[in-house]
């Protein structure tokens, strides 16, 4: 009986799903509606830029207009740089409801971002 209990406990441990950790290629299929990606580089003046990898690397999406940009297949950690002009030009990353802001990025800031909960970007 004790052997059966121990075996059942071991099977439960072995069969339990592992926690998936974000990897460096999680955003390889990422897209932003209406914006083509380009190889990562310096974010141009006046833009809010999203990068598929941390440290402003990978592919880059340059957002300019004050509107919601729908994001697809952002499944891990990447980065963002707010290089807009004007002290009040804050960029936001929103959830599916377009109201929950997951990140507020002031002008001149850059940071690594967990894009998994993000559905929209708005550079204003």
PDB file of N, CA and C in Angstrom:
ATOM      1  N   UNK A   1       0.816  -1.179   0.000  1.00  0.00           N
ATOM      2  CA  UNK A   1       0.000   0.000   0.000  1.00  0.00           C
ATOM      3  C   UNK A   1       0.866   1.250   0.000  1.00  0.00           C
ATOM      4  N   UNK A   2       1.910   1.275   0.815  1.00  0.00           N
ATOM      5  CA  UNK A   2       2.793   2.437   0.884  1.00  0.00           C
ATOM      6  C   UNK A   2       3.513   2.644  -0.439  1.00  0.00           C
ATOM      7  N   UNK A   3       3.872   1.541  -1.105  1.00  0.00           N
ATOM      8  CA  UNK A   3       4.556   1.643  -2.403  1.00  0.00           C
ATOM      9  C   UNK A   3       3.607   2.251  -3.437  1.00  0.00           C
ATOM     10  N   UNK A   4       2.341   1.850  -3.433  1.00  0.00           N
ATOM     11  CA  UNK A   4       1.363   2.392  -4.372  1.00  0.00           C
ATOM     12  C   UNK A   4       1.156   3.885  -4.146  1.00  0.00           C
ATOM     13  N   UNK A   5       1.100   4.313  -2.885  1.00  0.00           N
ATOM     14  CA  UNK A   5       0.937   5.742  -2.578  1.00  0.00           C
ATOM     15  C   UNK A   5       2.143   6.542  -3.050  1.00  0.00           C
ATOM     16  N   UNK A   6       3.327   5.998  -2.817  1.00  0.00           N
ATOM     17  CA  UNK A   6       4.549   6.682  -3.229  1.00  0.00           C
ATOM     18  C   UNK A   6       4.618   6.774  -4.746  1.00  0.00           C
ATOM     19  N   UNK A   7       4.225   5.717  -5.434  1.00  0.00           N
ATOM     20  CA  UNK A   7       4.236   5.717  -6.899  1.00  0.00           C
ATOM     21  C   UNK A   7       3.230   6.723  -7.440  1.00  0.00           C
ATOM     22  N   UNK A   8       2.056   6.811  -6.828  1.00  0.00           N
ATOM     23  CA  UNK A   8       1.041   7.771  -7.270  1.00  0.00           C
ATOM     24  C   UNK A   8       1.541   9.196  -7.063  1.00  0.00           C
ATOM     25  N   UNK A   9       2.205   9.447  -5.944  1.00  0.00           N
ATOM     26  CA  UNK A   9       2.743  10.783  -5.683  1.00  0.00           C
ATOM     27  C   UNK A   9       3.825  11.137  -6.694  1.00  0.00           C
ATOM     28  N   UNK A  10       4.686  10.180  -7.033  1.00  0.00           N
ATOM     29  CA  UNK A  10       5.752  10.409  -7.995  1.00  0.00           C
ATOM     30  C   UNK A  10       5.177  10.677  -9.375  1.00  0.00           C
ATOM     31  N   UNK A  11       4.158   9.940  -9.774  1.00  0.00           N
ATOM     32  CA  UNK A  11       3.518  10.169 -11.071  1.00  0.00           C
ATOM     33  C   UNK A  11       2.913  11.562 -11.106  1.00  0.00           C
ATOM     34  N   UNK A  12       2.306  12.003 -10.025  1.00  0.00           N
ATOM     35  CA  UNK A  12       1.735  13.353  -9.959  1.00  0.00           C
ATOM     36  C   UNK A  12       2.796  14.424 -10.148  1.00  0.00           C
ATOM     37  N   UNK A  13       3.970  14.202  -9.573  1.00  0.00           N
ATOM     38  CA  UNK A  13       5.052  15.178  -9.704  1.00  0.00           C
ATOM     39  C   UNK A  13       5.593  15.177 -11.127  1.00  0.00           C
ATOM     40  N   UNK A  14       5.807  14.001 -11.704  1.00  0.00           N
ATOM     41  CA  UNK A  14       6.352  13.890 -13.047  1.00  0.00           C
ATOM     42  C   UNK A  14       5.361  14.430 -14.076  1.00  0.00           C
ATOM     43  N   UNK A  15       4.074  14.219 -13.885  1.00  0.00           N
ATOM     44  CA  UNK A  15       3.070  14.613 -14.855  1.00  0.00           C
ATOM     45  C   UNK A  15       2.667  16.084 -14.750  1.00  0.00           C
ATOM     46  N   UNK A  16       3.064  16.756 -13.682  1.00  0.00           N
ATOM     47  CA  UNK A  16       2.681  18.155 -13.520  1.00  0.00           C
ATOM     48  C   UNK A  16       3.338  19.007 -14.597  1.00  0.00           C
ATOM     49  N   UNK A  17       2.577  19.919 -15.221  1.00  0.00           N
ATOM     50  CA  UNK A  17       3.169  20.758 -16.269  1.00  0.00           C
ATOM     51  C   UNK A  17       4.179  21.739 -15.686  1.00  0.00           C
ATOM     52  N   UNK A  18       5.215  21.991 -16.441  1.00  0.00           N
ATOM     53  CA  UNK A  18       6.237  22.937 -16.011  1.00  0.00           C
ATOM     54  C   UNK A  18       5.801  24.350 -16.358  1.00  0.00           C
ATOM     55  N   UNK A  19       6.265  25.279 -15.586  1.00  0.00           N
ATOM     56  CA  UNK A  19       5.990  26.684 -15.855  1.00  0.00           C
ATOM     57  C   UNK A  19       6.817  27.099 -17.061  1.00  0.00           C
ATOM     58  N   UNK A  20       6.167  27.703 -18.058  1.00  0.00           N
ATOM     59  CA  UNK A  20       6.868  28.147 -19.256  1.00  0.00           C
ATOM     60  C   UNK A  20       7.547  29.482 -18.981  1.00  0.00           C
ATOM     61  N   UNK A  21       8.813  29.548 -19.231  1.00  0.00           N
ATOM     62  CA  UNK A  21       9.561  30.779 -19.044  1.00  0.00           C
ATOM     63  C   UNK A  21       9.728  31.485 -20.383  1.00  0.00           C
ATOM     64  N   UNK A  22       9.732  32.795 -20.355  1.00  0.00           N
ATOM     65  CA  UNK A  22       9.911  33.571 -21.580  1.00  0.00           C
ATOM     66  C   UNK A  22      11.316  33.337 -22.118  1.00  0.00           C
ATOM     67  N   UNK A  23      11.392  33.211 -23.424  1.00  0.00           N
ATOM     68  CA  UNK A  23      12.675  33.000 -24.068  1.00  0.00           C
ATOM     69  C   UNK A  23      12.990  34.109 -25.053  1.00  0.00           C
ATOM     70  N   UNK A  24      14.209  34.142 -25.567  1.00  0.00           N
ATOM     71  CA  UNK A  24      14.625  35.234 -26.445  1.00  0.00           C
ATOM     72  C   UNK A  24      13.942  35.246 -27.809  1.00  0.00           C
ATOM     73  N   UNK A  25      13.285  34.156 -28.189  1.00  0.00           N
ATOM     74  CA  UNK A  25      12.632  34.117 -29.502  1.00  0.00           C
ATOM     75  C   UNK A  25      11.109  34.138 -29.401  1.00  0.00           C
ATOM     76  N   UNK A  26      10.567  34.469 -28.236  1.00  0.00           N
ATOM     77  CA  UNK A  26       9.117  34.443 -28.034  1.00  0.00           C
ATOM     78  C   UNK A  26       8.366  35.439 -28.909  1.00  0.00           C
ATOM     79  N   UNK A  27       8.995  36.499 -29.335  1.00  0.00           N
ATOM     80  CA  UNK A  27       8.317  37.524 -30.124  1.00  0.00           C
ATOM     81  C   UNK A  27       8.699  37.489 -31.601  1.00  0.00           C
ATOM     82  N   UNK A  28       9.267  36.381 -32.067  1.00  0.00           N
ATOM     83  CA  UNK A  28       9.724  36.301 -33.448  1.00  0.00           C
ATOM     84  C   UNK A  28       8.586  36.475 -34.456  1.00  0.00           C
ATOM     85  N   UNK A  29       7.373  36.127 -34.095  1.00  0.00           N
ATOM     86  CA  UNK A  29       6.223  36.273 -34.990  1.00  0.00           C
ATOM     87  C   UNK A  29       5.405  37.523 -34.668  1.00  0.00           C
ATOM     88  N   UNK A  30       5.951  38.407 -33.856  1.00  0.00           N
ATOM     89  CA  UNK A  30       5.223  39.597 -33.417  1.00  0.00           C
ATOM     90  C   UNK A  30       4.913  40.521 -34.588  1.00  0.00           C
ATOM     91  N   UNK A  31       3.765  41.200 -34.468  1.00  0.00           N
ATOM     92  CA  UNK A  31       3.400  42.192 -35.473  1.00  0.00           C
ATOM     93  C   UNK A  31       2.644  43.332 -34.807  1.00  0.00           C
ATOM     94  N   UNK A  32       2.611  44.452 -35.508  1.00  0.00           N
ATOM     95  CA  UNK A  32       1.844  45.616 -35.098  1.00  0.00           C
ATOM     96  C   UNK A  32       1.032  46.018 -36.323  1.00  0.00           C
ATOM     97  N   UNK A  33      -0.286  46.086 -36.180  1.00  0.00           N
ATOM     98  CA  UNK A  33      -1.171  46.366 -37.312  1.00  0.00           C
ATOM     99  C   UNK A  33      -0.788  47.682 -37.992  1.00  0.00           C
ATOM    100  N   UNK A  34      -0.542  47.605 -39.292  1.00  0.00           N
ATOM    101  CA  UNK A  34      -0.244  48.789 -40.081  1.00  0.00           C
ATOM    102  C   UNK A  34       1.191  49.279 -40.018  1.00  0.00           C
ATOM    103  N   UNK A  35       2.059  48.543 -39.322  1.00  0.00           N
ATOM    104  CA  UNK A  35       3.447  48.979 -39.172  1.00  0.00           C
ATOM    105  C   UNK A  35       4.371  47.815 -39.548  1.00  0.00           C
ATOM    106  N   UNK A  36       5.257  48.053 -40.499  1.00  0.00           N
ATOM    107  CA  UNK A  36       6.227  47.026 -40.889  1.00  0.00           C
ATOM    108  C   UNK A  36       7.397  47.042 -39.914  1.00  0.00           C
ATOM    109  N   UNK A  37       7.929  45.870 -39.640  1.00  0.00           N
ATOM    110  CA  UNK A  37       9.109  45.809 -38.772  1.00  0.00           C
ATOM    111  C   UNK A  37      10.365  46.026 -39.609  1.00  0.00           C
ATOM    112  N   UNK A  38      11.382  46.533 -38.942  1.00  0.00           N
ATOM    113  CA  UNK A  38      12.693  46.737 -39.549  1.00  0.00           C
ATOM    114  C   UNK A  38      13.730  46.193 -38.569  1.00  0.00           C
ATOM    115  N   UNK A  39      14.952  45.944 -39.033  1.00  0.00           N
ATOM    116  CA  UNK A  39      15.976  45.511 -38.085  1.00  0.00           C
ATOM    117  C   UNK A  39      16.155  46.559 -36.984  1.00  0.00           C
ATOM    118  N   UNK A  40      16.418  46.105 -35.791  1.00  0.00           N
ATOM    119  CA  UNK A  40      16.569  47.009 -34.645  1.00  0.00           C
ATOM    120  C   UNK A  40      17.663  48.026 -34.908  1.00  0.00           C
ATOM    121  N   UNK A  41      17.403  49.220 -34.455  1.00  0.00           N
ATOM    122  CA  UNK A  41      18.356  50.315 -34.560  1.00  0.00           C
ATOM    123  C   UNK A  41      17.920  51.399 -33.594  1.00  0.00           C
ATOM    124  N   UNK A  42      18.491  52.573 -33.745  1.00  0.00           N
ATOM    125  CA  UNK A  42      18.119  53.693 -32.894  1.00  0.00           C
ATOM    126  C   UNK A  42      16.694  54.126 -33.216  1.00  0.00           C
ATOM    127  N   UNK A  43      15.933  54.387 -32.197  1.00  0.00           N
ATOM    128  CA  UNK A  43      14.560  54.865 -32.371  1.00  0.00           C
ATOM    129  C   UNK A  43      14.626  56.316 -32.847  1.00  0.00           C
ATOM    130  N   UNK A  44      14.039  56.624 -34.015  1.00  0.00           N
ATOM    131  CA  UNK A  44      14.134  57.991 -34.539  1.00  0.00           C
ATOM    132  C   UNK A  44      13.413  59.006 -33.654  1.00  0.00           C
ATOM    133  N   UNK A  45      13.867  60.230 -33.728  1.00  0.00           N
ATOM    134  CA  UNK A  45      13.235  61.321 -32.992  1.00  0.00           C
ATOM    135  C   UNK A  45      11.773  61.443 -33.424  1.00  0.00           C
ATOM    136  N   UNK A  46      10.885  61.579 -32.442  1.00  0.00           N
ATOM    137  CA  UNK A  46       9.463  61.718 -32.709  1.00  0.00           C
ATOM    138  C   UNK A  46       8.691  60.408 -32.679  1.00  0.00           C
ATOM    139  N   UNK A  47       9.347  59.281 -32.447  1.00  0.00           N
ATOM    140  CA  UNK A  47       8.707  57.967 -32.486  1.00  0.00           C
ATOM    141  C   UNK A  47       8.707  57.275 -31.122  1.00  0.00           C
ATOM    142  N   UNK A  48       7.781  56.343 -30.993  1.00  0.00           N
ATOM    143  CA  UNK A  48       7.767  55.380 -29.897  1.00  0.00           C
ATOM    144  C   UNK A  48       8.062  54.045 -30.552  1.00  0.00           C
ATOM    145  N   UNK A  49       9.100  53.355 -30.116  1.00  0.00           N
ATOM    146  CA  UNK A  49       9.547  52.131 -30.775  1.00  0.00           C
ATOM    147  C   UNK A  49       9.401  50.918 -29.873  1.00  0.00           C
ATOM    148  N   UNK A  50       8.938  49.833 -30.475  1.00  0.00           N
ATOM    149  CA  UNK A  50       8.824  48.541 -29.807  1.00  0.00           C
ATOM    150  C   UNK A  50       9.837  47.598 -30.429  1.00  0.00           C
ATOM    151  N   UNK A  51      10.484  46.804 -29.591  1.00  0.00           N
ATOM    152  CA  UNK A  51      11.504  45.870 -30.042  1.00  0.00           C
ATOM    153  C   UNK A  51      11.125  44.459 -29.603  1.00  0.00           C
ATOM    154  N   UNK A  52      11.377  43.488 -30.456  1.00  0.00           N
ATOM    155  CA  UNK A  52      10.977  42.114 -30.155  1.00  0.00           C
ATOM    156  C   UNK A  52      11.869  41.435 -29.120  1.00  0.00           C
ATOM    157  N   UNK A  53      13.021  42.014 -28.847  1.00  0.00           N
ATOM    158  CA  UNK A  53      13.927  41.440 -27.844  1.00  0.00           C
ATOM    159  C   UNK A  53      14.324  42.498 -26.826  1.00  0.00           C
ATOM    160  N   UNK A  54      14.899  42.055 -25.732  1.00  0.00           N
ATOM    161  CA  UNK A  54      15.335  42.976 -24.686  1.00  0.00           C
ATOM    162  C   UNK A  54      16.517  43.818 -25.172  1.00  0.00           C
ATOM    163  N   UNK A  55      16.769  44.896 -24.469  1.00  0.00           N
ATOM    164  CA  UNK A  55      17.922  45.729 -24.777  1.00  0.00           C
ATOM    165  C   UNK A  55      17.836  46.436 -26.116  1.00  0.00           C
ATOM    166  N   UNK A  56      16.606  46.704 -26.601  1.00  0.00           N
ATOM    167  CA  UNK A  56      16.389  47.397 -27.871  1.00  0.00           C
ATOM    168  C   UNK A  56      17.009  46.643 -29.042  1.00  0.00           C
ATOM    169  N   UNK A  57      16.803  45.321 -29.055  1.00  0.00           N
ATOM    170  CA  UNK A  57      17.345  44.471 -30.117  1.00  0.00           C
ATOM    171  C   UNK A  57      16.218  43.668 -30.770  1.00  0.00           C
ATOM    172  N   UNK A  58      16.569  42.901 -31.763  1.00  0.00           N
ATOM    173  CA  UNK A  58      15.595  42.094 -32.502  1.00  0.00           C
ATOM    174  C   UNK A  58      15.020  42.891 -33.663  1.00  0.00           C
ATOM    175  N   UNK A  59      13.709  42.837 -33.835  1.00  0.00           N
ATOM    176  CA  UNK A  59      13.002  43.623 -34.856  1.00  0.00           C
ATOM    177  C   UNK A  59      12.411  44.849 -34.175  1.00  0.00           C
ATOM    178  N   UNK A  60      12.271  45.943 -34.927  1.00  0.00           N
ATOM    179  CA  UNK A  60      11.781  47.197 -34.368  1.00  0.00           C
ATOM    180  C   UNK A  60      10.523  47.633 -35.119  1.00  0.00           C
ATOM    181  N   UNK A  61       9.555  48.138 -34.362  1.00  0.00           N
ATOM    182  CA  UNK A  61       8.332  48.717 -34.918  1.00  0.00           C
ATOM    183  C   UNK A  61       8.307  50.183 -34.490  1.00  0.00           C
ATOM    184  N   UNK A  62       8.254  51.100 -35.454  1.00  0.00           N
ATOM    185  CA  UNK A  62       8.272  52.530 -35.174  1.00  0.00           C
ATOM    186  C   UNK A  62       6.845  53.074 -35.232  1.00  0.00           C
ATOM    187  N   UNK A  63       6.338  53.551 -34.092  1.00  0.00           N
ATOM    188  CA  UNK A  63       4.981  54.078 -34.000  1.00  0.00           C
ATOM    189  C   UNK A  63       5.054  55.597 -33.920  1.00  0.00           C
ATOM    190  N   UNK A  64       4.219  56.267 -34.691  1.00  0.00           N
ATOM    191  CA  UNK A  64       4.301  57.720 -34.753  1.00  0.00           C
ATOM    192  C   UNK A  64       2.990  58.402 -34.382  1.00  0.00           C
ATOM    193  N   UNK A  65       1.894  57.979 -34.992  1.00  0.00           N
ATOM    194  CA  UNK A  65       0.614  58.667 -34.809  1.00  0.00           C
ATOM    195  C   UNK A  65      -0.027  58.356 -33.462  1.00  0.00           C
ATOM    196  N   UNK A  66      -0.755  59.328 -32.936  1.00  0.00           N
ATOM    197  CA  UNK A  66      -1.464  59.173 -31.669  1.00  0.00           C
ATOM    198  C   UNK A  66      -2.723  58.356 -31.918  1.00  0.00           C
ATOM    199  N   UNK A  67      -2.592  57.046 -31.822  1.00  0.00           N
ATOM    200  CA  UNK A  67      -3.705  56.121 -32.034  1.00  0.00           C
ATOM    201  C   UNK A  67      -3.372  54.806 -31.343  1.00  0.00           C
ATOM    202  N   UNK A  68      -4.371  53.950 -31.232  1.00  0.00           N
ATOM    203  CA  UNK A  68      -4.138  52.596 -30.718  1.00  0.00           C
ATOM    204  C   UNK A  68      -3.569  51.749 -31.845  1.00  0.00           C
ATOM    205  N   UNK A  69      -2.499  51.045 -31.571  1.00  0.00           N
ATOM    206  CA  UNK A  69      -1.909  50.106 -32.512  1.00  0.00           C
ATOM    207  C   UNK A  69      -2.136  48.702 -31.967  1.00  0.00           C
ATOM    208  N   UNK A  70      -2.839  47.869 -32.711  1.00  0.00           N
ATOM    209  CA  UNK A  70      -3.091  46.490 -32.286  1.00  0.00           C
ATOM    210  C   UNK A  70      -1.815  45.666 -32.434  1.00  0.00           C
ATOM    211  N   UNK A  71      -1.494  44.914 -31.395  1.00  0.00           N
ATOM    212  CA  UNK A  71      -0.295  44.084 -31.372  1.00  0.00           C
ATOM    213  C   UNK A  71      -0.697  42.613 -31.370  1.00  0.00           C
ATOM    214  N   UNK A  72      -0.001  41.801 -32.148  1.00  0.00           N
ATOM    215  CA  UNK A  72      -0.283  40.361 -32.216  1.00  0.00           C
ATOM    216  C   UNK A  72       0.997  39.559 -32.015  1.00  0.00           C
ATOM    217  N   UNK A  73       0.868  38.431 -31.356  1.00  0.00           N
ATOM    218  CA  UNK A  73       1.953  37.466 -31.159  1.00  0.00           C
ATOM    219  C   UNK A  73       3.144  38.010 -30.372  1.00  0.00           C
ATOM    220  N   UNK A  74       2.870  38.904 -29.444  1.00  0.00           N
ATOM    221  CA  UNK A  74       3.903  39.352 -28.522  1.00  0.00           C
ATOM    222  C   UNK A  74       3.777  38.447 -27.295  1.00  0.00           C
ATOM    223  N   UNK A  75       4.611  37.421 -27.220  1.00  0.00           N
ATOM    224  CA  UNK A  75       4.447  36.354 -26.240  1.00  0.00           C
ATOM    225  C   UNK A  75       5.524  36.298 -25.176  1.00  0.00           C
ATOM    226  N   UNK A  76       6.347  37.309 -25.099  1.00  0.00           N
ATOM    227  CA  UNK A  76       7.419  37.277 -24.112  1.00  0.00           C
ATOM    228  C   UNK A  76       7.972  38.656 -23.863  1.00  0.00           C
ATOM    229  N   UNK A  77       9.216  38.690 -23.432  1.00  0.00           N
ATOM    230  CA  UNK A  77       9.852  39.943 -23.061  1.00  0.00           C
ATOM    231  C   UNK A  77      10.555  40.569 -24.261  1.00  0.00           C
ATOM    232  N   UNK A  78      10.329  41.856 -24.434  1.00  0.00           N
ATOM    233  CA  UNK A  78      10.992  42.660 -25.451  1.00  0.00           C
ATOM    234  C   UNK A  78      11.390  43.967 -24.810  1.00  0.00           C
ATOM    235  N   UNK A  79      11.385  45.036 -25.591  1.00  0.00           N
ATOM    236  CA  UNK A  79      11.742  46.327 -25.025  1.00  0.00           C
ATOM    237  C   UNK A  79      11.043  47.451 -25.776  1.00  0.00           C
ATOM    238  N   UNK A  80      11.102  48.638 -25.191  1.00  0.00           N
ATOM    239  CA  UNK A  80      10.455  49.811 -25.774  1.00  0.00           C
ATOM    240  C   UNK A  80      11.287  51.045 -25.500  1.00  0.00           C
ATOM    241  N   UNK A  81      11.188  52.012 -26.399  1.00  0.00           N
ATOM    242  CA  UNK A  81      11.907  53.292 -26.255  1.00  0.00           C
ATOM    243  C   UNK A  81      10.957  54.404 -26.673  1.00  0.00           C
ATOM    244  N   UNK A  82      10.769  55.389 -25.817  1.00  0.00           N
ATOM    245  CA  UNK A  82       9.927  56.535 -26.136  1.00  0.00           C
ATOM    246  C   UNK A  82      10.833  57.704 -26.529  1.00  0.00           C
ATOM    247  N   UNK A  83      10.896  57.963 -27.821  1.00  0.00           N
ATOM    248  CA  UNK A  83      11.744  59.038 -28.334  1.00  0.00           C
ATOM    249  C   UNK A  83      10.887  60.132 -28.971  1.00  0.00           C
ATOM    250  N   UNK A  84       9.663  60.296 -28.455  1.00  0.00           N
ATOM    251  CA  UNK A  84       8.774  61.332 -28.960  1.00  0.00           C
ATOM    252  C   UNK A  84       9.270  62.709 -28.528  1.00  0.00           C
ATOM    253  N   UNK A  85       8.656  63.718 -29.081  1.00  0.00           N
ATOM    254  CA  UNK A  85       9.046  65.097 -28.783  1.00  0.00           C
ATOM    255  C   UNK A  85       7.974  65.733 -27.901  1.00  0.00           C
ATOM    256  N   UNK A  86       8.401  66.415 -26.862  1.00  0.00           N
ATOM    257  CA  UNK A  86       7.474  67.082 -25.953  1.00  0.00           C
ATOM    258  C   UNK A  86       7.430  66.361 -24.619  1.00  0.00           C
ATOM    259  N   UNK A  87       7.522  67.117 -23.559  1.00  0.00           N
ATOM    260  CA  UNK A  87       7.604  66.547 -22.213  1.00  0.00           C
ATOM    261  C   UNK A  87       6.379  65.732 -21.824  1.00  0.00           C
ATOM    262  N   UNK A  88       5.228  66.019 -22.417  1.00  0.00           N
ATOM    263  CA  UNK A  88       4.006  65.304 -22.041  1.00  0.00           C
ATOM    264  C   UNK A  88       3.656  64.162 -22.993  1.00  0.00           C
ATOM    265  N   UNK A  89       4.553  63.792 -23.883  1.00  0.00           N
ATOM    266  CA  UNK A  89       4.298  62.725 -24.855  1.00  0.00           C
ATOM    267  C   UNK A  89       4.602  61.361 -24.233  1.00  0.00           C
ATOM    268  N   UNK A  90       3.724  60.911 -23.381  1.00  0.00           N
ATOM    269  CA  UNK A  90       3.877  59.629 -22.702  1.00  0.00           C
ATOM    270  C   UNK A  90       3.305  58.524 -23.589  1.00  0.00           C
ATOM    271  N   UNK A  91       3.982  57.403 -23.647  1.00  0.00           N
ATOM    272  CA  UNK A  91       3.506  56.245 -24.407  1.00  0.00           C
ATOM    273  C   UNK A  91       2.939  55.215 -23.436  1.00  0.00           C
ATOM    274  N   UNK A  92       1.949  54.463 -23.903  1.00  0.00           N
ATOM    275  CA  UNK A  92       1.277  53.469 -23.059  1.00  0.00           C
ATOM    276  C   UNK A  92       1.185  52.123 -23.768  1.00  0.00           C
ATOM    277  N   UNK A  93       1.215  51.068 -22.960  1.00  0.00           N
ATOM    278  CA  UNK A  93       0.946  49.714 -23.426  1.00  0.00           C
ATOM    279  C   UNK A  93      -0.298  49.240 -22.694  1.00  0.00           C
ATOM    280  N   UNK A  94      -1.333  48.855 -23.444  1.00  0.00           N
ATOM    281  CA  UNK A  94      -2.638  48.524 -22.879  1.00  0.00           C
ATOM    282  C   UNK A  94      -2.985  47.048 -23.031  1.00  0.00           C
ATOM    283  N   UNK A  95      -3.898  46.614 -22.165  1.00  0.00           N
ATOM    284  CA  UNK A  95      -4.462  45.276 -22.246  1.00  0.00           C
ATOM    285  C   UNK A  95      -5.575  45.213 -23.283  1.00  0.00           C
ATOM    286  N   UNK A  96      -6.243  44.095 -23.319  1.00  0.00           N
ATOM    287  CA  UNK A  96      -7.276  43.835 -24.317  1.00  0.00           C
ATOM    288  C   UNK A  96      -8.426  44.843 -24.258  1.00  0.00           C
ATOM    289  N   UNK A  97      -8.715  45.375 -23.084  1.00  0.00           N
ATOM    290  CA  UNK A  97      -9.842  46.299 -22.930  1.00  0.00           C
ATOM    291  C   UNK A  97      -9.505  47.745 -23.319  1.00  0.00           C
ATOM    292  N   UNK A  98      -8.285  48.022 -23.695  1.00  0.00           N
ATOM    293  CA  UNK A  98      -7.788  49.356 -24.050  1.00  0.00           C
ATOM    294  C   UNK A  98      -7.862  50.349 -22.889  1.00  0.00           C
ATOM    295  N   UNK A  99      -8.104  49.874 -21.689  1.00  0.00           N
ATOM    296  CA  UNK A  99      -8.171  50.757 -20.522  1.00  0.00           C
ATOM    297  C   UNK A  99      -7.104  50.421 -19.493  1.00  0.00           C
ATOM    298  N   UNK A 100      -6.753  49.160 -19.382  1.00  0.00           N
ATOM    299  CA  UNK A 100      -5.755  48.748 -18.405  1.00  0.00           C
ATOM    300  C   UNK A 100      -4.371  49.014 -18.972  1.00  0.00           C
ATOM    301  N   UNK A 101      -3.679  49.998 -18.419  1.00  0.00           N
ATOM    302  CA  UNK A 101      -2.330  50.332 -18.877  1.00  0.00           C
ATOM    303  C   UNK A 101      -1.316  49.485 -18.113  1.00  0.00           C
ATOM    304  N   UNK A 102      -0.569  48.669 -18.836  1.00  0.00           N
ATOM    305  CA  UNK A 102       0.451  47.834 -18.215  1.00  0.00           C
ATOM    306  C   UNK A 102       1.767  48.572 -18.071  1.00  0.00           C
ATOM    307  N   UNK A 103       2.001  49.549 -18.938  1.00  0.00           N
ATOM    308  CA  UNK A 103       3.217  50.344 -18.836  1.00  0.00           C
ATOM    309  C   UNK A 103       2.931  51.771 -19.263  1.00  0.00           C
ATOM    310  N   UNK A 104       3.573  52.686 -18.576  1.00  0.00           N
ATOM    311  CA  UNK A 104       3.541  54.105 -18.911  1.00  0.00           C
ATOM    312  C   UNK A 104       4.997  54.489 -19.112  1.00  0.00           C
ATOM    313  N   UNK A 105       5.339  54.906 -20.329  1.00  0.00           N
ATOM    314  CA  UNK A 105       6.741  55.150 -20.652  1.00  0.00           C
ATOM    315  C   UNK A 105       6.930  56.626 -21.010  1.00  0.00           C
ATOM    316  N   UNK A 106       7.524  57.405 -20.123  1.00  0.00           N
ATOM    317  CA  UNK A 106       7.738  58.837 -20.373  1.00  0.00           C
ATOM    318  C   UNK A 106       8.753  59.073 -21.502  1.00  0.00           C
ATOM    319  N   UNK A 107       8.747  60.268 -22.020  1.00  0.00           N
ATOM    320  CA  UNK A 107       9.693  60.662 -23.063  1.00  0.00           C
ATOM    321  C   UNK A 107      11.124  60.466 -22.558  1.00  0.00           C
ATOM    322  N   UNK A 108      11.962  59.919 -23.425  1.00  0.00           N
ATOM    323  CA  UNK A 108      13.368  59.725 -23.093  1.00  0.00           C
ATOM    324  C   UNK A 108      13.678  58.434 -22.368  1.00  0.00           C
ATOM    325  N   UNK A 109      12.663  57.649 -22.050  1.00  0.00           N
ATOM    326  CA  UNK A 109      12.883  56.404 -21.314  1.00  0.00           C
ATOM    327  C   UNK A 109      12.876  55.208 -22.239  1.00  0.00           C
ATOM    328  N   UNK A 110      13.592  54.192 -21.808  1.00  0.00           N
ATOM    329  CA  UNK A 110      13.561  52.897 -22.471  1.00  0.00           C
ATOM    330  C   UNK A 110      13.529  51.837 -21.386  1.00  0.00           C
ATOM    331  N   UNK A 111      12.915  50.715 -21.712  1.00  0.00           N
ATOM    332  CA  UNK A 111      12.840  49.654 -20.714  1.00  0.00           C
ATOM    333  C   UNK A 111      12.529  48.326 -21.369  1.00  0.00           C
ATOM    334  N   UNK A 112      12.890  47.259 -20.673  1.00  0.00           N
ATOM    335  CA  UNK A 112      12.460  45.933 -21.091  1.00  0.00           C
ATOM    336  C   UNK A 112      11.008  45.776 -20.654  1.00  0.00           C
ATOM    337  N   UNK A 113      10.221  45.058 -21.445  1.00  0.00           N
ATOM    338  CA  UNK A 113       8.793  44.924 -21.193  1.00  0.00           C
ATOM    339  C   UNK A 113       8.354  43.476 -21.308  1.00  0.00           C
ATOM    340  N   UNK A 114       7.479  43.059 -20.426  1.00  0.00           N
ATOM    341  CA  UNK A 114       6.790  41.778 -20.581  1.00  0.00           C
ATOM    342  C   UNK A 114       5.562  42.074 -21.434  1.00  0.00           C
ATOM    343  N   UNK A 115       5.584  41.649 -22.676  1.00  0.00           N
ATOM    344  CA  UNK A 115       4.501  41.958 -23.601  1.00  0.00           C
ATOM    345  C   UNK A 115       3.350  40.952 -23.547  1.00  0.00           C
ATOM    346  N   UNK A 116       3.448  39.914 -22.746  1.00  0.00           N
ATOM    347  CA  UNK A 116       2.394  38.896 -22.736  1.00  0.00           C
ATOM    348  C   UNK A 116       1.005  39.440 -22.439  1.00  0.00           C
ATOM    349  N   UNK A 117       0.811  40.388 -21.506  1.00  0.00           N
ATOM    350  CA  UNK A 117      -0.543  40.891 -21.266  1.00  0.00           C
ATOM    351  C   UNK A 117      -0.933  42.062 -22.183  1.00  0.00           C
ATOM    352  N   UNK A 118      -0.035  42.482 -23.072  1.00  0.00           N
ATOM    353  CA  UNK A 118      -0.254  43.688 -23.876  1.00  0.00           C
ATOM    354  C   UNK A 118      -0.930  43.351 -25.200  1.00  0.00           C
ATOM    355  N   UNK A 119      -1.970  44.127 -25.534  1.00  0.00           N
ATOM    356  CA  UNK A 119      -2.710  43.975 -26.786  1.00  0.00           C
ATOM    357  C   UNK A 119      -2.589  45.192 -27.672  1.00  0.00           C
ATOM    358  N   UNK A 120      -2.324  46.371 -27.060  1.00  0.00           N
ATOM    359  CA  UNK A 120      -2.288  47.632 -27.811  1.00  0.00           C
ATOM    360  C   UNK A 120      -1.170  48.536 -27.310  1.00  0.00           C
ATOM    361  N   UNK A 121      -0.643  49.331 -28.222  1.00  0.00           N
ATOM    362  CA  UNK A 121       0.309  50.388 -27.867  1.00  0.00           C
ATOM    363  C   UNK A 121      -0.296  51.700 -28.332  1.00  0.00           C
ATOM    364  N   UNK A 122      -0.048  52.756 -27.565  1.00  0.00           N
ATOM    365  CA  UNK A 122      -0.535  54.086 -27.933  1.00  0.00           C
ATOM    366  C   UNK A 122       0.551  55.102 -27.576  1.00  0.00           C
ATOM    367  N   UNK A 123       1.164  55.710 -28.587  1.00  0.00           N
ATOM    368  CA  UNK A 123       2.265  56.643 -28.321  1.00  0.00           C
ATOM    369  C   UNK A 123       1.808  58.060 -28.012  1.00  0.00           C
ATOM    370  N   UNK A 124       0.856  58.219 -27.116  1.00  0.00           N
ATOM    371  CA  UNK A 124       0.442  59.564 -26.704  1.00  0.00           C
ATOM    372  C   UNK A 124      -0.455  59.469 -25.484  1.00  0.00           C
TER     373      UNK A 124
END
